[in-house]
Amino acid sequence: MSASEELKKLAPLAQLKPEMMKAFVAWDTAVMAEGALPKKTKELIAVAVALTTQCQYCLTIHTEMARKAGASDEELAEVTFIAAALRAGAAITHGANMVIPKG
């Protein structure tokens, strides 16, 4: 499914709360605009977050946007492993909290 198809699914929510959706879209647009970080970098970060949170909407939308910003398959693959490492690292650190002797 394309990003535009995913975004169409948000229409009922926008109809119920148009002012909130308008505010969210404005904020999201500002956050993802070119700034101290280039657009491609922001989109690659968004892909990593989408992989970590497992948000299919975000993954579809930000993968498409990352490609439009010039991201390569190799960069997207690397981002995948970064996201996987962080998820695994979180499991390890939470696990460490279970086995640390209570003193």
C-alpha atoms as a PDB file:
ATOM      1  CA  MET A   1       0.000   0.000   0.000  1.00  0.00           C
ATOM      2  CA  SER A   2       1.308   3.473  -0.830  1.00  0.00           C
ATOM      3  CA  ALA A   3       1.731   6.358   1.587  1.00  0.00           C
ATOM      4  CA  SER A   4      -1.182   8.222   0.007  1.00  0.00           C
ATOM      5  CA  GLU A   5      -3.423   5.165   0.473  1.00  0.00           C
ATOM      6  CA  GLU A   6      -2.372   4.889   4.120  1.00  0.00           C
ATOM      7  CA  LEU A   7      -3.038   8.588   4.703  1.00  0.00           C
ATOM      8  CA  LYS A   8      -6.556   8.272   3.228  1.00  0.00           C
ATOM      9  CA  LYS A   9      -7.397   5.941   6.120  1.00  0.00           C
ATOM     10  CA  LEU A  10      -7.013   8.919   8.469  1.00  0.00           C
ATOM     11  CA  ALA A  11      -9.935  10.796   6.882  1.00  0.00           C
ATOM     12  CA  PRO A  12     -12.608   9.598   9.350  1.00  0.00           C
ATOM     13  CA  LEU A  13     -10.438  10.697  12.269  1.00  0.00           C
ATOM     14  CA  ALA A  14      -9.847  14.070  10.628  1.00  0.00           C
ATOM     15  CA  GLN A  15     -13.576  14.492  10.077  1.00  0.00           C
ATOM     16  CA  LEU A  16     -14.295  13.890  13.756  1.00  0.00           C
ATOM     17  CA  LYS A  17     -11.589  16.253  15.029  1.00  0.00           C
ATOM     18  CA  PRO A  18     -10.506  18.495  12.127  1.00  0.00           C
ATOM     19  CA  GLU A  19      -8.818  21.143  14.292  1.00  0.00           C
ATOM     20  CA  MET A  20      -6.711  18.547  16.080  1.00  0.00           C
ATOM     21  CA  MET A  21      -5.754  16.803  12.837  1.00  0.00           C
ATOM     22  CA  LYS A  22      -4.839  20.136  11.255  1.00  0.00           C
ATOM     23  CA  ALA A  23      -2.634  20.959  14.256  1.00  0.00           C
ATOM     24  CA  PHE A  24      -0.984  17.532  14.148  1.00  0.00           C
ATOM     25  CA  VAL A  25      -0.283  17.762  10.406  1.00  0.00           C
ATOM     26  CA  ALA A  26       1.204  21.254  10.815  1.00  0.00           C
ATOM     27  CA  TRP A  27       3.420  20.078  13.676  1.00  0.00           C
ATOM     28  CA  ASP A  28       4.486  16.904  11.843  1.00  0.00           C
ATOM     29  CA  THR A  29       5.281  18.921   8.712  1.00  0.00           C
ATOM     30  CA  ALA A  30       7.413  21.351  10.732  1.00  0.00           C
ATOM     31  CA  VAL A  31       9.261  18.540  12.510  1.00  0.00           C
ATOM     32  CA  MET A  32      10.065  16.691   9.281  1.00  0.00           C
ATOM     33  CA  ALA A  33      11.122  19.798   7.325  1.00  0.00           C
ATOM     34  CA  GLU A  34      14.748  20.377   6.375  1.00  0.00           C
ATOM     35  CA  GLY A  35      16.579  21.848   9.350  1.00  0.00           C
ATOM     36  CA  ALA A  36      19.723  21.089  11.335  1.00  0.00           C
ATOM     37  CA  LEU A  37      19.214  17.533  10.078  1.00  0.00           C
ATOM     38  CA  PRO A  38      18.716  16.982   6.359  1.00  0.00           C
ATOM     39  CA  LYS A  39      15.335  15.614   5.229  1.00  0.00           C
ATOM     40  CA  LYS A  40      16.856  12.242   4.292  1.00  0.00           C
ATOM     41  CA  THR A  41      18.363  11.817   7.766  1.00  0.00           C
ATOM     42  CA  LYS A  42      15.038  12.692   9.406  1.00  0.00           C
ATOM     43  CA  GLU A  43      13.219  10.172   7.233  1.00  0.00           C
ATOM     44  CA  LEU A  44      15.775   7.450   8.014  1.00  0.00           C
ATOM     45  CA  ILE A  45      15.307   8.163  11.731  1.00  0.00           C
ATOM     46  CA  ALA A  46      11.534   7.973  11.225  1.00  0.00           C
ATOM     47  CA  VAL A  47      11.921   4.584   9.508  1.00  0.00           C
ATOM     48  CA  ALA A  48      14.002   3.298  12.429  1.00  0.00           C
ATOM     49  CA  VAL A  49      11.385   4.509  14.917  1.00  0.00           C
ATOM     50  CA  ALA A  50       8.588   2.973  12.817  1.00  0.00           C
ATOM     51  CA  LEU A  51      10.430  -0.353  12.795  1.00  0.00           C
ATOM     52  CA  THR A  52      10.905  -0.151  16.549  1.00  0.00           C
ATOM     53  CA  THR A  53       7.313   0.832  17.333  1.00  0.00           C
ATOM     54  CA  GLN A  54       6.058  -1.501  14.580  1.00  0.00           C
ATOM     55  CA  CYS A  55       3.720   1.137  13.153  1.00  0.00           C
ATOM     56  CA  GLN A  56       2.823  -0.057   9.658  1.00  0.00           C
ATOM     57  CA  TYR A  57       1.403   3.341   8.655  1.00  0.00           C
ATOM     58  CA  CYS A  58       4.612   5.115   9.654  1.00  0.00           C
ATOM     59  CA  LEU A  59       6.788   2.452   8.078  1.00  0.00           C
ATOM     60  CA  THR A  60       5.005   2.756   4.727  1.00  0.00           C
ATOM     61  CA  ILE A  61       4.887   6.543   4.753  1.00  0.00           C
ATOM     62  CA  HIS A  62       8.435   7.195   5.960  1.00  0.00           C
ATOM     63  CA  THR A  63      10.036   4.503   3.791  1.00  0.00           C
ATOM     64  CA  GLU A  64       8.459   6.149   0.756  1.00  0.00           C
ATOM     65  CA  MET A  65       9.520   9.603   1.950  1.00  0.00           C
ATOM     66  CA  ALA A  66      13.073   8.379   2.693  1.00  0.00           C
ATOM     67  CA  ARG A  67      13.351   7.005  -0.838  1.00  0.00           C
ATOM     68  CA  LYS A  68      12.063  10.308  -2.258  1.00  0.00           C
ATOM     69  CA  ALA A  69      14.722  12.093  -0.185  1.00  0.00           C
ATOM     70  CA  GLY A  70      17.399   9.898  -1.755  1.00  0.00           C
ATOM     71  CA  ALA A  71      17.769   7.012   0.698  1.00  0.00           C
ATOM     72  CA  SER A  72      19.243   3.887  -0.834  1.00  0.00           C
ATOM     73  CA  ASP A  73      18.311   0.260  -0.187  1.00  0.00           C
ATOM     74  CA  GLU A  74      21.634  -0.097   1.625  1.00  0.00           C
ATOM     75  CA  GLU A  75      20.792   2.807   3.968  1.00  0.00           C
ATOM     76  CA  LEU A  76      17.332   1.381   4.650  1.00  0.00           C
ATOM     77  CA  ALA A  77      18.880  -2.016   5.383  1.00  0.00           C
ATOM     78  CA  GLU A  78      21.344  -0.439   7.798  1.00  0.00           C
ATOM     79  CA  VAL A  79      18.538   1.445   9.544  1.00  0.00           C
ATOM     80  CA  THR A  80      16.729  -1.886   9.940  1.00  0.00           C
ATOM     81  CA  PHE A  81      19.677  -3.336  11.823  1.00  0.00           C
ATOM     82  CA  ILE A  82      20.068  -0.204  13.956  1.00  0.00           C
ATOM     83  CA  ALA A  83      16.406  -0.506  14.995  1.00  0.00           C
ATOM     84  CA  ALA A  84      16.842  -4.225  15.692  1.00  0.00           C
ATOM     85  CA  ALA A  85      19.961  -3.600  17.796  1.00  0.00           C
ATOM     86  CA  LEU A  86      18.179  -0.980  19.888  1.00  0.00           C
ATOM     87  CA  ARG A  87      15.185  -3.254  20.483  1.00  0.00           C
ATOM     88  CA  ALA A  88      17.507  -6.093  21.447  1.00  0.00           C
ATOM     89  CA  GLY A  89      19.549  -3.771  23.654  1.00  0.00           C
ATOM     90  CA  ALA A  90      16.401  -2.679  25.459  1.00  0.00           C
ATOM     91  CA  ALA A  91      15.505  -6.310  26.157  1.00  0.00           C
ATOM     92  CA  ILE A  92      19.011  -6.948  27.499  1.00  0.00           C
ATOM     93  CA  THR A  93      18.978  -3.926  29.803  1.00  0.00           C
ATOM     94  CA  HIS A  94      15.490  -4.729  31.093  1.00  0.00           C
ATOM     95  CA  GLY A  95      16.611  -8.316  31.624  1.00  0.00           C
ATOM     96  CA  ALA A  96      19.604  -7.078  33.603  1.00  0.00           C
ATOM     97  CA  ASN A  97      17.181  -5.362  35.979  1.00  0.00           C
ATOM     98  CA  MET A  98      15.585  -8.750  36.682  1.00  0.00           C
ATOM     99  CA  VAL A  99      18.801 -10.527  37.592  1.00  0.00           C
ATOM    100  CA  ILE A 100      20.684  -7.824  39.487  1.00  0.00           C
ATOM    101  CA  PRO A 101      20.820  -8.927  43.123  1.00  0.00           C
ATOM    102  CA  LYS A 102      18.652  -6.777  45.330  1.00  0.00           C
ATOM    103  CA  GLY A 103      20.724  -5.351  48.136  1.00  0.00           C
END
